[in-house]
N, C-alpha and C. Protein backbone atom coordinates (compact mmCIF):
# COMPACT_ATOMS: atom_id res chain seq x y z
N MET A 1 0.85 -1.18 0.00
CA MET A 1 0.00 0.00 0.00
C MET A 1 0.89 1.24 0.00
N CYS A 2 0.39 2.30 -0.56
CA CYS A 2 1.14 3.55 -0.59
C CYS A 2 1.35 4.09 0.81
N ARG A 3 2.48 4.70 1.03
CA ARG A 3 2.85 5.10 2.38
C ARG A 3 1.93 6.12 3.01
N ASN A 4 1.32 7.02 2.26
CA ASN A 4 0.45 8.03 2.84
C ASN A 4 -1.01 7.61 2.87
N ILE A 5 -1.31 6.49 2.29
CA ILE A 5 -2.69 6.02 2.34
C ILE A 5 -2.81 5.14 3.58
N ARG A 6 -3.37 5.74 4.60
CA ARG A 6 -3.53 5.07 5.88
C ARG A 6 -4.99 5.07 6.26
N THR A 7 -5.32 4.21 7.21
CA THR A 7 -6.68 4.21 7.73
C THR A 7 -6.91 5.55 8.42
N LEU A 8 -7.98 6.22 8.03
CA LEU A 8 -8.29 7.53 8.59
C LEU A 8 -9.59 7.50 9.39
N TYR A 9 -10.28 6.39 9.35
CA TYR A 9 -11.59 6.30 9.98
C TYR A 9 -11.50 5.87 11.44
N ASN A 10 -12.38 6.41 12.24
CA ASN A 10 -12.60 6.03 13.63
C ASN A 10 -11.40 6.36 14.52
N PHE A 11 -10.88 7.54 14.37
CA PHE A 11 -9.82 8.02 15.24
C PHE A 11 -10.32 9.19 16.06
N ASP A 12 -9.73 9.36 17.22
CA ASP A 12 -10.01 10.51 18.05
C ASP A 12 -8.70 11.23 18.30
N PRO A 13 -8.50 12.41 17.80
CA PRO A 13 -9.41 13.25 17.02
C PRO A 13 -9.54 12.73 15.58
N PRO A 14 -10.61 13.14 14.88
CA PRO A 14 -10.84 12.68 13.51
C PRO A 14 -9.73 13.13 12.56
N ALA A 15 -9.70 12.49 11.40
CA ALA A 15 -8.72 12.84 10.37
C ALA A 15 -8.86 14.30 9.97
N THR A 16 -7.72 14.93 9.72
CA THR A 16 -7.73 16.33 9.30
C THR A 16 -7.87 16.43 7.79
N ASP A 17 -8.17 17.62 7.31
CA ASP A 17 -8.24 17.86 5.86
C ASP A 17 -6.91 17.55 5.21
N ASP A 18 -5.81 17.89 5.88
CA ASP A 18 -4.48 17.63 5.32
C ASP A 18 -4.21 16.13 5.17
N GLU A 19 -4.64 15.34 6.14
CA GLU A 19 -4.45 13.89 6.05
C GLU A 19 -5.26 13.29 4.91
N VAL A 20 -6.48 13.73 4.76
CA VAL A 20 -7.33 13.24 3.67
C VAL A 20 -6.73 13.66 2.32
N HIS A 21 -6.27 14.90 2.22
CA HIS A 21 -5.68 15.39 0.97
C HIS A 21 -4.41 14.60 0.64
N ALA A 22 -3.56 14.33 1.64
CA ALA A 22 -2.32 13.57 1.40
C ALA A 22 -2.64 12.17 0.89
N SER A 23 -3.66 11.55 1.43
CA SER A 23 -4.05 10.22 0.96
C SER A 23 -4.60 10.28 -0.46
N ALA A 24 -5.41 11.30 -0.75
CA ALA A 24 -5.96 11.45 -2.10
C ALA A 24 -4.83 11.71 -3.10
N LEU A 25 -3.89 12.54 -2.73
CA LEU A 25 -2.75 12.84 -3.61
C LEU A 25 -1.95 11.58 -3.89
N GLN A 26 -1.67 10.80 -2.87
CA GLN A 26 -0.89 9.57 -3.06
C GLN A 26 -1.65 8.58 -3.93
N PHE A 27 -2.97 8.52 -3.76
CA PHE A 27 -3.79 7.62 -4.57
C PHE A 27 -3.75 8.02 -6.05
N VAL A 28 -3.88 9.31 -6.33
CA VAL A 28 -3.85 9.78 -7.72
C VAL A 28 -2.45 9.59 -8.31
N ARG A 29 -1.42 9.81 -7.52
CA ARG A 29 -0.05 9.56 -8.00
C ARG A 29 0.11 8.10 -8.39
N LYS A 30 -0.40 7.21 -7.56
CA LYS A 30 -0.27 5.78 -7.84
C LYS A 30 -1.04 5.40 -9.10
N LEU A 31 -2.28 5.89 -9.22
CA LEU A 31 -3.08 5.57 -10.39
C LEU A 31 -2.47 6.10 -11.68
N SER A 32 -2.00 7.34 -11.63
CA SER A 32 -1.50 7.99 -12.84
C SER A 32 -0.07 7.61 -13.19
N GLY A 33 0.70 7.23 -12.18
CA GLY A 33 2.11 6.95 -12.41
C GLY A 33 2.96 8.21 -12.39
N PHE A 34 2.37 9.34 -12.06
CA PHE A 34 3.10 10.61 -12.01
C PHE A 34 3.32 11.03 -10.57
N ALA A 35 4.57 11.34 -10.21
CA ALA A 35 4.82 11.96 -8.91
C ALA A 35 4.46 13.44 -9.00
N LYS A 36 4.75 14.02 -10.16
CA LYS A 36 4.39 15.40 -10.45
C LYS A 36 3.98 15.43 -11.92
N PRO A 37 2.75 15.83 -12.19
CA PRO A 37 2.28 15.80 -13.58
C PRO A 37 2.90 16.91 -14.43
N SER A 38 2.86 16.73 -15.73
CA SER A 38 3.31 17.77 -16.65
C SER A 38 2.33 18.94 -16.58
N LYS A 39 2.74 20.07 -17.12
CA LYS A 39 1.86 21.26 -17.14
C LYS A 39 0.55 20.95 -17.86
N ALA A 40 0.61 20.13 -18.90
CA ALA A 40 -0.59 19.78 -19.65
C ALA A 40 -1.56 18.95 -18.81
N ASN A 41 -1.03 18.09 -17.94
CA ASN A 41 -1.87 17.21 -17.14
C ASN A 41 -2.16 17.75 -15.74
N GLU A 42 -1.53 18.85 -15.36
CA GLU A 42 -1.68 19.37 -14.01
C GLU A 42 -3.13 19.71 -13.62
N PRO A 43 -3.91 20.36 -14.49
CA PRO A 43 -5.29 20.69 -14.09
C PRO A 43 -6.14 19.45 -13.79
N VAL A 44 -6.06 18.44 -14.64
CA VAL A 44 -6.87 17.24 -14.42
C VAL A 44 -6.35 16.44 -13.23
N PHE A 45 -5.05 16.45 -13.02
CA PHE A 45 -4.44 15.78 -11.87
C PHE A 45 -4.94 16.43 -10.58
N ASN A 46 -4.88 17.75 -10.50
CA ASN A 46 -5.33 18.48 -9.31
C ASN A 46 -6.84 18.32 -9.10
N TRP A 47 -7.59 18.29 -10.19
CA TRP A 47 -9.04 18.08 -10.11
C TRP A 47 -9.33 16.71 -9.50
N ALA A 48 -8.59 15.67 -9.96
CA ALA A 48 -8.79 14.32 -9.45
C ALA A 48 -8.48 14.25 -7.95
N VAL A 49 -7.41 14.90 -7.52
CA VAL A 49 -7.05 14.91 -6.10
C VAL A 49 -8.17 15.55 -5.29
N ALA A 50 -8.67 16.69 -5.77
CA ALA A 50 -9.74 17.40 -5.05
C ALA A 50 -11.01 16.56 -4.98
N GLU A 51 -11.38 15.91 -6.08
CA GLU A 51 -12.59 15.09 -6.10
C GLU A 51 -12.47 13.89 -5.16
N ILE A 52 -11.34 13.23 -5.19
CA ILE A 52 -11.14 12.06 -4.34
C ILE A 52 -11.13 12.47 -2.87
N ALA A 53 -10.50 13.60 -2.55
CA ALA A 53 -10.50 14.09 -1.17
C ALA A 53 -11.92 14.42 -0.74
N HIS A 54 -12.70 15.03 -1.62
CA HIS A 54 -14.09 15.37 -1.31
C HIS A 54 -14.91 14.12 -1.02
N ILE A 55 -14.78 13.12 -1.86
CA ILE A 55 -15.51 11.87 -1.68
C ILE A 55 -15.05 11.16 -0.40
N ALA A 56 -13.74 11.20 -0.14
CA ALA A 56 -13.22 10.56 1.08
C ALA A 56 -13.80 11.23 2.32
N HIS A 57 -13.94 12.55 2.31
CA HIS A 57 -14.56 13.25 3.44
C HIS A 57 -15.99 12.74 3.66
N HIS A 58 -16.75 12.62 2.58
CA HIS A 58 -18.12 12.10 2.71
C HIS A 58 -18.12 10.69 3.27
N LEU A 59 -17.24 9.86 2.79
CA LEU A 59 -17.15 8.48 3.28
C LEU A 59 -16.87 8.46 4.78
N LEU A 60 -15.86 9.22 5.20
CA LEU A 60 -15.49 9.23 6.62
C LEU A 60 -16.61 9.77 7.50
N GLU A 61 -17.36 10.73 6.98
CA GLU A 61 -18.47 11.30 7.75
C GLU A 61 -19.66 10.34 7.85
N ASP A 62 -19.88 9.55 6.81
CA ASP A 62 -21.08 8.72 6.74
C ASP A 62 -20.92 7.31 7.29
N LEU A 63 -19.69 6.83 7.45
CA LEU A 63 -19.49 5.50 7.99
C LEU A 63 -19.96 5.45 9.45
N GLU A 64 -20.45 4.29 9.86
CA GLU A 64 -20.92 4.10 11.23
C GLU A 64 -20.20 2.91 11.84
N THR A 65 -19.96 2.99 13.14
CA THR A 65 -19.33 1.89 13.85
C THR A 65 -19.78 1.89 15.30
N ASN A 66 -19.72 0.72 15.91
CA ASN A 66 -19.97 0.59 17.34
C ASN A 66 -18.67 0.51 18.12
N ALA A 67 -17.56 0.41 17.41
CA ALA A 67 -16.25 0.30 18.05
C ALA A 67 -15.84 1.65 18.63
N PRO A 68 -15.13 1.63 19.72
CA PRO A 68 -14.65 2.90 20.28
C PRO A 68 -13.58 3.50 19.37
N PRO A 69 -13.46 4.82 19.37
CA PRO A 69 -12.43 5.45 18.52
C PRO A 69 -11.03 5.00 18.93
N ARG A 70 -10.17 4.87 17.93
CA ARG A 70 -8.78 4.49 18.19
C ARG A 70 -7.99 5.73 18.57
N ASN A 71 -6.97 5.51 19.36
CA ASN A 71 -6.09 6.58 19.80
C ASN A 71 -4.91 6.69 18.84
N ARG A 72 -4.68 7.87 18.31
CA ARG A 72 -3.60 8.07 17.33
C ARG A 72 -2.23 7.74 17.91
N GLU A 73 -2.01 8.12 19.14
CA GLU A 73 -0.69 7.89 19.75
C GLU A 73 -0.41 6.40 19.94
N ILE A 74 -1.42 5.67 20.37
CA ILE A 74 -1.26 4.22 20.55
C ILE A 74 -1.02 3.55 19.20
N GLU A 75 -1.79 3.92 18.19
CA GLU A 75 -1.61 3.34 16.85
C GLU A 75 -0.24 3.68 16.27
N ALA A 76 0.24 4.90 16.50
CA ALA A 76 1.58 5.29 16.03
C ALA A 76 2.66 4.48 16.73
N ALA A 77 2.49 4.23 18.02
CA ALA A 77 3.46 3.42 18.76
C ALA A 77 3.48 1.98 18.24
N LYS A 78 2.31 1.44 17.93
CA LYS A 78 2.24 0.09 17.36
C LYS A 78 2.96 0.04 16.01
N ALA A 79 2.73 1.05 15.17
CA ALA A 79 3.38 1.09 13.86
C ALA A 79 4.89 1.20 14.00
N LYS A 80 5.33 2.00 14.96
CA LYS A 80 6.77 2.16 15.18
C LYS A 80 7.38 0.84 15.65
N ALA A 81 6.67 0.11 16.51
CA ALA A 81 7.16 -1.19 16.97
C ALA A 81 7.23 -2.19 15.82
N ARG A 82 6.23 -2.17 14.94
CA ARG A 82 6.26 -3.07 13.76
C ARG A 82 7.43 -2.72 12.85
N ALA A 83 7.68 -1.45 12.66
CA ALA A 83 8.80 -1.01 11.82
C ALA A 83 10.12 -1.41 12.43
N GLN A 84 10.21 -1.30 13.73
CA GLN A 84 11.45 -1.70 14.43
C GLN A 84 11.74 -3.18 14.23
N LEU A 85 10.70 -4.01 14.32
CA LEU A 85 10.87 -5.44 14.10
C LEU A 85 11.25 -5.73 12.65
N ARG A 86 10.62 -5.01 11.72
CA ARG A 86 10.83 -5.24 10.30
C ARG A 86 12.19 -4.77 9.85
N TYR A 87 12.59 -3.58 10.27
CA TYR A 87 13.81 -2.96 9.74
C TYR A 87 14.98 -2.93 10.73
N GLY A 88 14.73 -3.30 11.98
CA GLY A 88 15.81 -3.35 12.96
C GLY A 88 16.26 -2.09 13.52
C-alpha cells in the first residue's frame, strides 16, 4: 500500500483535511504513475485529487461503527514497533 494512504476512519481526534488530501494525492499519484504531472496534465491531476479528497470526506463522515475510537498515539506506537521489528 502507498505510504500516505492510511486508515483515517474512527480516530479521536478525527482525520484532518491535510491527512485526507495527502491520501488522495498519493492515490492519484499511484493511479496515474506521475509523482508530479506535466503542465498539460496538471489541471486534471489536481481536479482528481480534489474530487477524491471530497468523496473521502463524505465516506469518513457517513461510515458508522460501534467500536470505540482508536487513539492516534497508541496506533503510532504500534506502527513504530512493527517497523522496528521489520527494519531493525
